């Protein structure tokens, strides 16, 4: 969770949404 904001320039909630879209 924290690492996406601290190091990856990404939002963790958007990551979770993307994973759900991919797996169904």
PDBML (XML) file of the C-alpha atoms, coordinates in Angstrom:
<?xml version="1.0" encoding="UTF-8" ?>
<PDBx:datablock datablockName="MODEL"
   xmlns:PDBx="http://pdbml.pdb.org/schema/pdbx-v50.xsd"
   xmlns:xsi="http://www.w3.org/2001/XMLSchema-instance"
   xsi:schemaLocation="http://pdbml.pdb.org/schema/pdbx-v50.xsd pdbx-v50.xsd">
   <PDBx:atom_siteCategory>
      <PDBx:atom_site id="1">
         <PDBx:B_iso_or_equiv>0.00</PDBx:B_iso_or_equiv>
         <PDBx:Cartn_x>0.000</PDBx:Cartn_x>
         <PDBx:Cartn_y>0.000</PDBx:Cartn_y>
         <PDBx:Cartn_z>0.000</PDBx:Cartn_z>
         <PDBx:auth_asym_id>A</PDBx:auth_asym_id>
         <PDBx:auth_atom_id>CA</PDBx:auth_atom_id>
         <PDBx:auth_comp_id>UNK</PDBx:auth_comp_id>
         <PDBx:auth_seq_id>1</PDBx:auth_seq_id>
         <PDBx:group_PDB>ATOM</PDBx:group_PDB>
         <PDBx:label_alt_id xsi:nil="true" />
         <PDBx:label_asym_id>A</PDBx:label_asym_id>
         <PDBx:label_atom_id>CA</PDBx:label_atom_id>
         <PDBx:label_comp_id>UNK</PDBx:label_comp_id>
         <PDBx:label_entity_id>1</PDBx:label_entity_id>
         <PDBx:label_seq_id>1</PDBx:label_seq_id>
         <PDBx:occupancy>1.00</PDBx:occupancy>
         <PDBx:pdbx_PDB_model_num>1</PDBx:pdbx_PDB_model_num>
         <PDBx:type_symbol>C</PDBx:type_symbol>
      </PDBx:atom_site>
      <PDBx:atom_site id="2">
         <PDBx:B_iso_or_equiv>0.00</PDBx:B_iso_or_equiv>
         <PDBx:Cartn_x>2.499</PDBx:Cartn_x>
         <PDBx:Cartn_y>2.622</PDBx:Cartn_y>
         <PDBx:Cartn_z>1.146</PDBx:Cartn_z>
         <PDBx:auth_asym_id>A</PDBx:auth_asym_id>
         <PDBx:auth_atom_id>CA</PDBx:auth_atom_id>
         <PDBx:auth_comp_id>UNK</PDBx:auth_comp_id>
         <PDBx:auth_seq_id>2</PDBx:auth_seq_id>
         <PDBx:group_PDB>ATOM</PDBx:group_PDB>
         <PDBx:label_alt_id xsi:nil="true" />
         <PDBx:label_asym_id>A</PDBx:label_asym_id>
         <PDBx:label_atom_id>CA</PDBx:label_atom_id>
         <PDBx:label_comp_id>UNK</PDBx:label_comp_id>
         <PDBx:label_entity_id>1</PDBx:label_entity_id>
         <PDBx:label_seq_id>2</PDBx:label_seq_id>
         <PDBx:occupancy>1.00</PDBx:occupancy>
         <PDBx:pdbx_PDB_model_num>1</PDBx:pdbx_PDB_model_num>
         <PDBx:type_symbol>C</PDBx:type_symbol>
      </PDBx:atom_site>
      <PDBx:atom_site id="3">
         <PDBx:B_iso_or_equiv>0.00</PDBx:B_iso_or_equiv>
         <PDBx:Cartn_x>5.136</PDBx:Cartn_x>
         <PDBx:Cartn_y>1.610</PDBx:Cartn_y>
         <PDBx:Cartn_z>-1.413</PDBx:Cartn_z>
         <PDBx:auth_asym_id>A</PDBx:auth_asym_id>
         <PDBx:auth_atom_id>CA</PDBx:auth_atom_id>
         <PDBx:auth_comp_id>UNK</PDBx:auth_comp_id>
         <PDBx:auth_seq_id>3</PDBx:auth_seq_id>
         <PDBx:group_PDB>ATOM</PDBx:group_PDB>
         <PDBx:label_alt_id xsi:nil="true" />
         <PDBx:label_asym_id>A</PDBx:label_asym_id>
         <PDBx:label_atom_id>CA</PDBx:label_atom_id>
         <PDBx:label_comp_id>UNK</PDBx:label_comp_id>
         <PDBx:label_entity_id>1</PDBx:label_entity_id>
         <PDBx:label_seq_id>3</PDBx:label_seq_id>
         <PDBx:occupancy>1.00</PDBx:occupancy>
         <PDBx:pdbx_PDB_model_num>1</PDBx:pdbx_PDB_model_num>
         <PDBx:type_symbol>C</PDBx:type_symbol>
      </PDBx:atom_site>
      <PDBx:atom_site id="4">
         <PDBx:B_iso_or_equiv>0.00</PDBx:B_iso_or_equiv>
         <PDBx:Cartn_x>2.950</PDBx:Cartn_x>
         <PDBx:Cartn_y>2.623</PDBx:Cartn_y>
         <PDBx:Cartn_z>-4.347</PDBx:Cartn_z>
         <PDBx:auth_asym_id>A</PDBx:auth_asym_id>
         <PDBx:auth_atom_id>CA</PDBx:auth_atom_id>
         <PDBx:auth_comp_id>UNK</PDBx:auth_comp_id>
         <PDBx:auth_seq_id>4</PDBx:auth_seq_id>
         <PDBx:group_PDB>ATOM</PDBx:group_PDB>
         <PDBx:label_alt_id xsi:nil="true" />
         <PDBx:label_asym_id>A</PDBx:label_asym_id>
         <PDBx:label_atom_id>CA</PDBx:label_atom_id>
         <PDBx:label_comp_id>UNK</PDBx:label_comp_id>
         <PDBx:label_entity_id>1</PDBx:label_entity_id>
         <PDBx:label_seq_id>4</PDBx:label_seq_id>
         <PDBx:occupancy>1.00</PDBx:occupancy>
         <PDBx:pdbx_PDB_model_num>1</PDBx:pdbx_PDB_model_num>
         <PDBx:type_symbol>C</PDBx:type_symbol>
      </PDBx:atom_site>
      <PDBx:atom_site id="5">
         <PDBx:B_iso_or_equiv>0.00</PDBx:B_iso_or_equiv>
         <PDBx:Cartn_x>2.774</PDBx:Cartn_x>
         <PDBx:Cartn_y>6.188</PDBx:Cartn_y>
         <PDBx:Cartn_z>-3.025</PDBx:Cartn_z>
         <PDBx:auth_asym_id>A</PDBx:auth_asym_id>
         <PDBx:auth_atom_id>CA</PDBx:auth_atom_id>
         <PDBx:auth_comp_id>UNK</PDBx:auth_comp_id>
         <PDBx:auth_seq_id>5</PDBx:auth_seq_id>
         <PDBx:group_PDB>ATOM</PDBx:group_PDB>
         <PDBx:label_alt_id xsi:nil="true" />
         <PDBx:label_asym_id>A</PDBx:label_asym_id>
         <PDBx:label_atom_id>CA</PDBx:label_atom_id>
         <PDBx:label_comp_id>UNK</PDBx:label_comp_id>
         <PDBx:label_entity_id>1</PDBx:label_entity_id>
         <PDBx:label_seq_id>5</PDBx:label_seq_id>
         <PDBx:occupancy>1.00</PDBx:occupancy>
         <PDBx:pdbx_PDB_model_num>1</PDBx:pdbx_PDB_model_num>
         <PDBx:type_symbol>C</PDBx:type_symbol>
      </PDBx:atom_site>
      <PDBx:atom_site id="6">
         <PDBx:B_iso_or_equiv>0.00</PDBx:B_iso_or_equiv>
         <PDBx:Cartn_x>6.355</PDBx:Cartn_x>
         <PDBx:Cartn_y>6.345</PDBx:Cartn_y>
         <PDBx:Cartn_z>-1.724</PDBx:Cartn_z>
         <PDBx:auth_asym_id>A</PDBx:auth_asym_id>
         <PDBx:auth_atom_id>CA</PDBx:auth_atom_id>
         <PDBx:auth_comp_id>UNK</PDBx:auth_comp_id>
         <PDBx:auth_seq_id>6</PDBx:auth_seq_id>
         <PDBx:group_PDB>ATOM</PDBx:group_PDB>
         <PDBx:label_alt_id xsi:nil="true" />
         <PDBx:label_asym_id>A</PDBx:label_asym_id>
         <PDBx:label_atom_id>CA</PDBx:label_atom_id>
         <PDBx:label_comp_id>UNK</PDBx:label_comp_id>
         <PDBx:label_entity_id>1</PDBx:label_entity_id>
         <PDBx:label_seq_id>6</PDBx:label_seq_id>
         <PDBx:occupancy>1.00</PDBx:occupancy>
         <PDBx:pdbx_PDB_model_num>1</PDBx:pdbx_PDB_model_num>
         <PDBx:type_symbol>C</PDBx:type_symbol>
      </PDBx:atom_site>
      <PDBx:atom_site id="7">
         <PDBx:B_iso_or_equiv>0.00</PDBx:B_iso_or_equiv>
         <PDBx:Cartn_x>8.228</PDBx:Cartn_x>
         <PDBx:Cartn_y>4.756</PDBx:Cartn_y>
         <PDBx:Cartn_z>-4.633</PDBx:Cartn_z>
         <PDBx:auth_asym_id>A</PDBx:auth_asym_id>
         <PDBx:auth_atom_id>CA</PDBx:auth_atom_id>
         <PDBx:auth_comp_id>UNK</PDBx:auth_comp_id>
         <PDBx:auth_seq_id>7</PDBx:auth_seq_id>
         <PDBx:group_PDB>ATOM</PDBx:group_PDB>
         <PDBx:label_alt_id xsi:nil="true" />
         <PDBx:label_asym_id>A</PDBx:label_asym_id>
         <PDBx:label_atom_id>CA</PDBx:label_atom_id>
         <PDBx:label_comp_id>UNK</PDBx:label_comp_id>
         <PDBx:label_entity_id>1</PDBx:label_entity_id>
         <PDBx:label_seq_id>7</PDBx:label_seq_id>
         <PDBx:occupancy>1.00</PDBx:occupancy>
         <PDBx:pdbx_PDB_model_num>1</PDBx:pdbx_PDB_model_num>
         <PDBx:type_symbol>C</PDBx:type_symbol>
      </PDBx:atom_site>
      <PDBx:atom_site id="8">
         <PDBx:B_iso_or_equiv>0.00</PDBx:B_iso_or_equiv>
         <PDBx:Cartn_x>6.030</PDBx:Cartn_x>
         <PDBx:Cartn_y>3.805</PDBx:Cartn_y>
         <PDBx:Cartn_z>-7.601</PDBx:Cartn_z>
         <PDBx:auth_asym_id>A</PDBx:auth_asym_id>
         <PDBx:auth_atom_id>CA</PDBx:auth_atom_id>
         <PDBx:auth_comp_id>UNK</PDBx:auth_comp_id>
         <PDBx:auth_seq_id>8</PDBx:auth_seq_id>
         <PDBx:group_PDB>ATOM</PDBx:group_PDB>
         <PDBx:label_alt_id xsi:nil="true" />
         <PDBx:label_asym_id>A</PDBx:label_asym_id>
         <PDBx:label_atom_id>CA</PDBx:label_atom_id>
         <PDBx:label_comp_id>UNK</PDBx:label_comp_id>
         <PDBx:label_entity_id>1</PDBx:label_entity_id>
         <PDBx:label_seq_id>8</PDBx:label_seq_id>
         <PDBx:occupancy>1.00</PDBx:occupancy>
         <PDBx:pdbx_PDB_model_num>1</PDBx:pdbx_PDB_model_num>
         <PDBx:type_symbol>C</PDBx:type_symbol>
      </PDBx:atom_site>
      <PDBx:atom_site id="9">
         <PDBx:B_iso_or_equiv>0.00</PDBx:B_iso_or_equiv>
         <PDBx:Cartn_x>4.145</PDBx:Cartn_x>
         <PDBx:Cartn_y>7.024</PDBx:Cartn_y>
         <PDBx:Cartn_z>-8.447</PDBx:Cartn_z>
         <PDBx:auth_asym_id>A</PDBx:auth_asym_id>
         <PDBx:auth_atom_id>CA</PDBx:auth_atom_id>
         <PDBx:auth_comp_id>UNK</PDBx:auth_comp_id>
         <PDBx:auth_seq_id>9</PDBx:auth_seq_id>
         <PDBx:group_PDB>ATOM</PDBx:group_PDB>
         <PDBx:label_alt_id xsi:nil="true" />
         <PDBx:label_asym_id>A</PDBx:label_asym_id>
         <PDBx:label_atom_id>CA</PDBx:label_atom_id>
         <PDBx:label_comp_id>UNK</PDBx:label_comp_id>
         <PDBx:label_entity_id>1</PDBx:label_entity_id>
         <PDBx:label_seq_id>9</PDBx:label_seq_id>
         <PDBx:occupancy>1.00</PDBx:occupancy>
         <PDBx:pdbx_PDB_model_num>1</PDBx:pdbx_PDB_model_num>
         <PDBx:type_symbol>C</PDBx:type_symbol>
      </PDBx:atom_site>
      <PDBx:atom_site id="10">
         <PDBx:B_iso_or_equiv>0.00</PDBx:B_iso_or_equiv>
         <PDBx:Cartn_x>0.884</PDBx:Cartn_x>
         <PDBx:Cartn_y>5.058</PDBx:Cartn_y>
         <PDBx:Cartn_z>-8.302</PDBx:Cartn_z>
         <PDBx:auth_asym_id>A</PDBx:auth_asym_id>
         <PDBx:auth_atom_id>CA</PDBx:auth_atom_id>
         <PDBx:auth_comp_id>UNK</PDBx:auth_comp_id>
         <PDBx:auth_seq_id>10</PDBx:auth_seq_id>
         <PDBx:group_PDB>ATOM</PDBx:group_PDB>
         <PDBx:label_alt_id xsi:nil="true" />
         <PDBx:label_asym_id>A</PDBx:label_asym_id>
         <PDBx:label_atom_id>CA</PDBx:label_atom_id>
         <PDBx:label_comp_id>UNK</PDBx:label_comp_id>
         <PDBx:label_entity_id>1</PDBx:label_entity_id>
         <PDBx:label_seq_id>10</PDBx:label_seq_id>
         <PDBx:occupancy>1.00</PDBx:occupancy>
         <PDBx:pdbx_PDB_model_num>1</PDBx:pdbx_PDB_model_num>
         <PDBx:type_symbol>C</PDBx:type_symbol>
      </PDBx:atom_site>
      <PDBx:atom_site id="11">
         <PDBx:B_iso_or_equiv>0.00</PDBx:B_iso_or_equiv>
         <PDBx:Cartn_x>-2.361</PDBx:Cartn_x>
         <PDBx:Cartn_y>4.946</PDBx:Cartn_y>
         <PDBx:Cartn_z>-6.351</PDBx:Cartn_z>
         <PDBx:auth_asym_id>A</PDBx:auth_asym_id>
         <PDBx:auth_atom_id>CA</PDBx:auth_atom_id>
         <PDBx:auth_comp_id>UNK</PDBx:auth_comp_id>
         <PDBx:auth_seq_id>11</PDBx:auth_seq_id>
         <PDBx:group_PDB>ATOM</PDBx:group_PDB>
         <PDBx:label_alt_id xsi:nil="true" />
         <PDBx:label_asym_id>A</PDBx:label_asym_id>
         <PDBx:label_atom_id>CA</PDBx:label_atom_id>
         <PDBx:label_comp_id>UNK</PDBx:label_comp_id>
         <PDBx:label_entity_id>1</PDBx:label_entity_id>
         <PDBx:label_seq_id>11</PDBx:label_seq_id>
         <PDBx:occupancy>1.00</PDBx:occupancy>
         <PDBx:pdbx_PDB_model_num>1</PDBx:pdbx_PDB_model_num>
         <PDBx:type_symbol>C</PDBx:type_symbol>
      </PDBx:atom_site>
      <PDBx:atom_site id="12">
         <PDBx:B_iso_or_equiv>0.00</PDBx:B_iso_or_equiv>
         <PDBx:Cartn_x>-3.030</PDBx:Cartn_x>
         <PDBx:Cartn_y>1.720</PDBx:Cartn_y>
         <PDBx:Cartn_z>-4.440</PDBx:Cartn_z>
         <PDBx:auth_asym_id>A</PDBx:auth_asym_id>
         <PDBx:auth_atom_id>CA</PDBx:auth_atom_id>
         <PDBx:auth_comp_id>UNK</PDBx:auth_comp_id>
         <PDBx:auth_seq_id>12</PDBx:auth_seq_id>
         <PDBx:group_PDB>ATOM</PDBx:group_PDB>
         <PDBx:label_alt_id xsi:nil="true" />
         <PDBx:label_asym_id>A</PDBx:label_asym_id>
         <PDBx:label_atom_id>CA</PDBx:label_atom_id>
         <PDBx:label_comp_id>UNK</PDBx:label_comp_id>
         <PDBx:label_entity_id>1</PDBx:label_entity_id>
         <PDBx:label_seq_id>12</PDBx:label_seq_id>
         <PDBx:occupancy>1.00</PDBx:occupancy>
         <PDBx:pdbx_PDB_model_num>1</PDBx:pdbx_PDB_model_num>
         <PDBx:type_symbol>C</PDBx:type_symbol>
      </PDBx:atom_site>
      <PDBx:atom_site id="13">
         <PDBx:B_iso_or_equiv>0.00</PDBx:B_iso_or_equiv>
         <PDBx:Cartn_x>-6.788</PDBx:Cartn_x>
         <PDBx:Cartn_y>1.947</PDBx:Cartn_y>
         <PDBx:Cartn_z>-4.874</PDBx:Cartn_z>
         <PDBx:auth_asym_id>A</PDBx:auth_asym_id>
         <PDBx:auth_atom_id>CA</PDBx:auth_atom_id>
         <PDBx:auth_comp_id>UNK</PDBx:auth_comp_id>
         <PDBx:auth_seq_id>13</PDBx:auth_seq_id>
         <PDBx:group_PDB>ATOM</PDBx:group_PDB>
         <PDBx:label_alt_id xsi:nil="true" />
         <PDBx:label_asym_id>A</PDBx:label_asym_id>
         <PDBx:label_atom_id>CA</PDBx:label_atom_id>
         <PDBx:label_comp_id>UNK</PDBx:label_comp_id>
         <PDBx:label_entity_id>1</PDBx:label_entity_id>
         <PDBx:label_seq_id>13</PDBx:label_seq_id>
         <PDBx:occupancy>1.00</PDBx:occupancy>
         <PDBx:pdbx_PDB_model_num>1</PDBx:pdbx_PDB_model_num>
         <PDBx:type_symbol>C</PDBx:type_symbol>
      </PDBx:atom_site>
      <PDBx:atom_site id="14">
         <PDBx:B_iso_or_equiv>0.00</PDBx:B_iso_or_equiv>
         <PDBx:Cartn_x>-6.401</PDBx:Cartn_x>
         <PDBx:Cartn_y>2.240</PDBx:Cartn_y>
         <PDBx:Cartn_z>-8.638</PDBx:Cartn_z>
         <PDBx:auth_asym_id>A</PDBx:auth_asym_id>
         <PDBx:auth_atom_id>CA</PDBx:auth_atom_id>
         <PDBx:auth_comp_id>UNK</PDBx:auth_comp_id>
         <PDBx:auth_seq_id>14</PDBx:auth_seq_id>
         <PDBx:group_PDB>ATOM</PDBx:group_PDB>
         <PDBx:label_alt_id xsi:nil="true" />
         <PDBx:label_asym_id>A</PDBx:label_asym_id>
         <PDBx:label_atom_id>CA</PDBx:label_atom_id>
         <PDBx:label_comp_id>UNK</PDBx:label_comp_id>
         <PDBx:label_entity_id>1</PDBx:label_entity_id>
         <PDBx:label_seq_id>14</PDBx:label_seq_id>
         <PDBx:occupancy>1.00</PDBx:occupancy>
         <PDBx:pdbx_PDB_model_num>1</PDBx:pdbx_PDB_model_num>
         <PDBx:type_symbol>C</PDBx:type_symbol>
      </PDBx:atom_site>
      <PDBx:atom_site id="15">
         <PDBx:B_iso_or_equiv>0.00</PDBx:B_iso_or_equiv>
         <PDBx:Cartn_x>-4.127</PDBx:Cartn_x>
         <PDBx:Cartn_y>-0.822</PDBx:Cartn_y>
         <PDBx:Cartn_z>-8.539</PDBx:Cartn_z>
         <PDBx:auth_asym_id>A</PDBx:auth_asym_id>
         <PDBx:auth_atom_id>CA</PDBx:auth_atom_id>
         <PDBx:auth_comp_id>UNK</PDBx:auth_comp_id>
         <PDBx:auth_seq_id>15</PDBx:auth_seq_id>
         <PDBx:group_PDB>ATOM</PDBx:group_PDB>
         <PDBx:label_alt_id xsi:nil="true" />
         <PDBx:label_asym_id>A</PDBx:label_asym_id>
         <PDBx:label_atom_id>CA</PDBx:label_atom_id>
         <PDBx:label_comp_id>UNK</PDBx:label_comp_id>
         <PDBx:label_entity_id>1</PDBx:label_entity_id>
         <PDBx:label_seq_id>15</PDBx:label_seq_id>
         <PDBx:occupancy>1.00</PDBx:occupancy>
         <PDBx:pdbx_PDB_model_num>1</PDBx:pdbx_PDB_model_num>
         <PDBx:type_symbol>C</PDBx:type_symbol>
      </PDBx:atom_site>
      <PDBx:atom_site id="16">
         <PDBx:B_iso_or_equiv>0.00</PDBx:B_iso_or_equiv>
         <PDBx:Cartn_x>-6.794</PDBx:Cartn_x>
         <PDBx:Cartn_y>-2.845</PDBx:Cartn_y>
         <PDBx:Cartn_z>-6.712</PDBx:Cartn_z>
         <PDBx:auth_asym_id>A</PDBx:auth_asym_id>
         <PDBx:auth_atom_id>CA</PDBx:auth_atom_id>
         <PDBx:auth_comp_id>UNK</PDBx:auth_comp_id>
         <PDBx:auth_seq_id>16</PDBx:auth_seq_id>
         <PDBx:group_PDB>ATOM</PDBx:group_PDB>
         <PDBx:label_alt_id xsi:nil="true" />
         <PDBx:label_asym_id>A</PDBx:label_asym_id>
         <PDBx:label_atom_id>CA</PDBx:label_atom_id>
         <PDBx:label_comp_id>UNK</PDBx:label_comp_id>
         <PDBx:label_entity_id>1</PDBx:label_entity_id>
         <PDBx:label_seq_id>16</PDBx:label_seq_id>
         <PDBx:occupancy>1.00</PDBx:occupancy>
         <PDBx:pdbx_PDB_model_num>1</PDBx:pdbx_PDB_model_num>
         <PDBx:type_symbol>C</PDBx:type_symbol>
      </PDBx:atom_site>
      <PDBx:atom_site id="17">
         <PDBx:B_iso_or_equiv>0.00</PDBx:B_iso_or_equiv>
         <PDBx:Cartn_x>-9.471</PDBx:Cartn_x>
         <PDBx:Cartn_y>-1.717</PDBx:Cartn_y>
         <PDBx:Cartn_z>-9.174</PDBx:Cartn_z>
         <PDBx:auth_asym_id>A</PDBx:auth_asym_id>
         <PDBx:auth_atom_id>CA</PDBx:auth_atom_id>
         <PDBx:auth_comp_id>UNK</PDBx:auth_comp_id>
         <PDBx:auth_seq_id>17</PDBx:auth_seq_id>
         <PDBx:group_PDB>ATOM</PDBx:group_PDB>
         <PDBx:label_alt_id xsi:nil="true" />
         <PDBx:label_asym_id>A</PDBx:label_asym_id>
         <PDBx:label_atom_id>CA</PDBx:label_atom_id>
         <PDBx:label_comp_id>UNK</PDBx:label_comp_id>
         <PDBx:label_entity_id>1</PDBx:label_entity_id>
         <PDBx:label_seq_id>17</PDBx:label_seq_id>
         <PDBx:occupancy>1.00</PDBx:occupancy>
         <PDBx:pdbx_PDB_model_num>1</PDBx:pdbx_PDB_model_num>
         <PDBx:type_symbol>C</PDBx:type_symbol>
      </PDBx:atom_site>
      <PDBx:atom_site id="18">
         <PDBx:B_iso_or_equiv>0.00</PDBx:B_iso_or_equiv>
         <PDBx:Cartn_x>-7.277</PDBx:Cartn_x>
         <PDBx:Cartn_y>-2.752</PDBx:Cartn_y>
         <PDBx:Cartn_z>-12.105</PDBx:Cartn_z>
         <PDBx:auth_asym_id>A</PDBx:auth_asym_id>
         <PDBx:auth_atom_id>CA</PDBx:auth_atom_id>
         <PDBx:auth_comp_id>UNK</PDBx:auth_comp_id>
         <PDBx:auth_seq_id>18</PDBx:auth_seq_id>
         <PDBx:group_PDB>ATOM</PDBx:group_PDB>
         <PDBx:label_alt_id xsi:nil="true" />
         <PDBx:label_asym_id>A</PDBx:label_asym_id>
         <PDBx:label_atom_id>CA</PDBx:label_atom_id>
         <PDBx:label_comp_id>UNK</PDBx:label_comp_id>
         <PDBx:label_entity_id>1</PDBx:label_entity_id>
         <PDBx:label_seq_id>18</PDBx:label_seq_id>
         <PDBx:occupancy>1.00</PDBx:occupancy>
         <PDBx:pdbx_PDB_model_num>1</PDBx:pdbx_PDB_model_num>
         <PDBx:type_symbol>C</PDBx:type_symbol>
      </PDBx:atom_site>
      <PDBx:atom_site id="19">
         <PDBx:B_iso_or_equiv>0.00</PDBx:B_iso_or_equiv>
         <PDBx:Cartn_x>-6.661</PDBx:Cartn_x>
         <PDBx:Cartn_y>-6.199</PDBx:Cartn_y>
         <PDBx:Cartn_z>-10.613</PDBx:Cartn_z>
         <PDBx:auth_asym_id>A</PDBx:auth_asym_id>
         <PDBx:auth_atom_id>CA</PDBx:auth_atom_id>
         <PDBx:auth_comp_id>UNK</PDBx:auth_comp_id>
         <PDBx:auth_seq_id>19</PDBx:auth_seq_id>
         <PDBx:group_PDB>ATOM</PDBx:group_PDB>
         <PDBx:label_alt_id xsi:nil="true" />
         <PDBx:label_asym_id>A</PDBx:label_asym_id>
         <PDBx:label_atom_id>CA</PDBx:label_atom_id>
         <PDBx:label_comp_id>UNK</PDBx:label_comp_id>
         <PDBx:label_entity_id>1</PDBx:label_entity_id>
         <PDBx:label_seq_id>19</PDBx:label_seq_id>
         <PDBx:occupancy>1.00</PDBx:occupancy>
         <PDBx:pdbx_PDB_model_num>1</PDBx:pdbx_PDB_model_num>
         <PDBx:type_symbol>C</PDBx:type_symbol>
      </PDBx:atom_site>
      <PDBx:atom_site id="20">
         <PDBx:B_iso_or_equiv>0.00</PDBx:B_iso_or_equiv>
         <PDBx:Cartn_x>-10.380</PDBx:Cartn_x>
         <PDBx:Cartn_y>-6.786</PDBx:Cartn_y>
         <PDBx:Cartn_z>-10.131</PDBx:Cartn_z>
         <PDBx:auth_asym_id>A</PDBx:auth_asym_id>
         <PDBx:auth_atom_id>CA</PDBx:auth_atom_id>
         <PDBx:auth_comp_id>UNK</PDBx:auth_comp_id>
         <PDBx:auth_seq_id>20</PDBx:auth_seq_id>
         <PDBx:group_PDB>ATOM</PDBx:group_PDB>
         <PDBx:label_alt_id xsi:nil="true" />
         <PDBx:label_asym_id>A</PDBx:label_asym_id>
         <PDBx:label_atom_id>CA</PDBx:label_atom_id>
         <PDBx:label_comp_id>UNK</PDBx:label_comp_id>
         <PDBx:label_entity_id>1</PDBx:label_entity_id>
         <PDBx:label_seq_id>20</PDBx:label_seq_id>
         <PDBx:occupancy>1.00</PDBx:occupancy>
         <PDBx:pdbx_PDB_model_num>1</PDBx:pdbx_PDB_model_num>
         <PDBx:type_symbol>C</PDBx:type_symbol>
      </PDBx:atom_site>
      <PDBx:atom_site id="21">
         <PDBx:B_iso_or_equiv>0.00</PDBx:B_iso_or_equiv>
         <PDBx:Cartn_x>-11.099</PDBx:Cartn_x>
         <PDBx:Cartn_y>-5.790</PDBx:Cartn_y>
         <PDBx:Cartn_z>-13.715</PDBx:Cartn_z>
         <PDBx:auth_asym_id>A</PDBx:auth_asym_id>
         <PDBx:auth_atom_id>CA</PDBx:auth_atom_id>
         <PDBx:auth_comp_id>UNK</PDBx:auth_comp_id>
         <PDBx:auth_seq_id>21</PDBx:auth_seq_id>
         <PDBx:group_PDB>ATOM</PDBx:group_PDB>
         <PDBx:label_alt_id xsi:nil="true" />
         <PDBx:label_asym_id>A</PDBx:label_asym_id>
         <PDBx:label_atom_id>CA</PDBx:label_atom_id>
         <PDBx:label_comp_id>UNK</PDBx:label_comp_id>
         <PDBx:label_entity_id>1</PDBx:label_entity_id>
         <PDBx:label_seq_id>21</PDBx:label_seq_id>
         <PDBx:occupancy>1.00</PDBx:occupancy>
         <PDBx:pdbx_PDB_model_num>1</PDBx:pdbx_PDB_model_num>
         <PDBx:type_symbol>C</PDBx:type_symbol>
      </PDBx:atom_site>
      <PDBx:atom_site id="22">
         <PDBx:B_iso_or_equiv>0.00</PDBx:B_iso_or_equiv>
         <PDBx:Cartn_x>-8.494</PDBx:Cartn_x>
         <PDBx:Cartn_y>-8.266</PDBx:Cartn_y>
         <PDBx:Cartn_z>-14.971</PDBx:Cartn_z>
         <PDBx:auth_asym_id>A</PDBx:auth_asym_id>
         <PDBx:auth_atom_id>CA</PDBx:auth_atom_id>
         <PDBx:auth_comp_id>UNK</PDBx:auth_comp_id>
         <PDBx:auth_seq_id>22</PDBx:auth_seq_id>
         <PDBx:group_PDB>ATOM</PDBx:group_PDB>
         <PDBx:label_alt_id xsi:nil="true" />
         <PDBx:label_asym_id>A</PDBx:label_asym_id>
         <PDBx:label_atom_id>CA</PDBx:label_atom_id>
         <PDBx:label_comp_id>UNK</PDBx:label_comp_id>
         <PDBx:label_entity_id>1</PDBx:label_entity_id>
         <PDBx:label_seq_id>22</PDBx:label_seq_id>
         <PDBx:occupancy>1.00</PDBx:occupancy>
         <PDBx:pdbx_PDB_model_num>1</PDBx:pdbx_PDB_model_num>
         <PDBx:type_symbol>C</PDBx:type_symbol>
      </PDBx:atom_site>
      <PDBx:atom_site id="23">
         <PDBx:B_iso_or_equiv>0.00</PDBx:B_iso_or_equiv>
         <PDBx:Cartn_x>-9.557</PDBx:Cartn_x>
         <PDBx:Cartn_y>-11.301</PDBx:Cartn_y>
         <PDBx:Cartn_z>-12.907</PDBx:Cartn_z>
         <PDBx:auth_asym_id>A</PDBx:auth_asym_id>
         <PDBx:auth_atom_id>CA</PDBx:auth_atom_id>
         <PDBx:auth_comp_id>UNK</PDBx:auth_comp_id>
         <PDBx:auth_seq_id>23</PDBx:auth_seq_id>
         <PDBx:group_PDB>ATOM</PDBx:group_PDB>
         <PDBx:label_alt_id xsi:nil="true" />
         <PDBx:label_asym_id>A</PDBx:label_asym_id>
         <PDBx:label_atom_id>CA</PDBx:label_atom_id>
         <PDBx:label_comp_id>UNK</PDBx:label_comp_id>
         <PDBx:label_entity_id>1</PDBx:label_entity_id>
         <PDBx:label_seq_id>23</PDBx:label_seq_id>
         <PDBx:occupancy>1.00</PDBx:occupancy>
         <PDBx:pdbx_PDB_model_num>1</PDBx:pdbx_PDB_model_num>
         <PDBx:type_symbol>C</PDBx:type_symbol>
      </PDBx:atom_site>
      <PDBx:atom_site id="24">
         <PDBx:B_iso_or_equiv>0.00</PDBx:B_iso_or_equiv>
         <PDBx:Cartn_x>-13.325</PDBx:Cartn_x>
         <PDBx:Cartn_y>-10.850</PDBx:Cartn_y>
         <PDBx:Cartn_z>-13.109</PDBx:Cartn_z>
         <PDBx:auth_asym_id>A</PDBx:auth_asym_id>
         <PDBx:auth_atom_id>CA</PDBx:auth_atom_id>
         <PDBx:auth_comp_id>UNK</PDBx:auth_comp_id>
         <PDBx:auth_seq_id>24</PDBx:auth_seq_id>
         <PDBx:group_PDB>ATOM</PDBx:group_PDB>
         <PDBx:label_alt_id xsi:nil="true" />
         <PDBx:label_asym_id>A</PDBx:label_asym_id>
         <PDBx:label_atom_id>CA</PDBx:label_atom_id>
         <PDBx:label_comp_id>UNK</PDBx:label_comp_id>
         <PDBx:label_entity_id>1</PDBx:label_entity_id>
         <PDBx:label_seq_id>24</PDBx:label_seq_id>
         <PDBx:occupancy>1.00</PDBx:occupancy>
         <PDBx:pdbx_PDB_model_num>1</PDBx:pdbx_PDB_model_num>
         <PDBx:type_symbol>C</PDBx:type_symbol>
      </PDBx:atom_site>
   </PDBx:atom_siteCategory>
</PDBx:datablock>
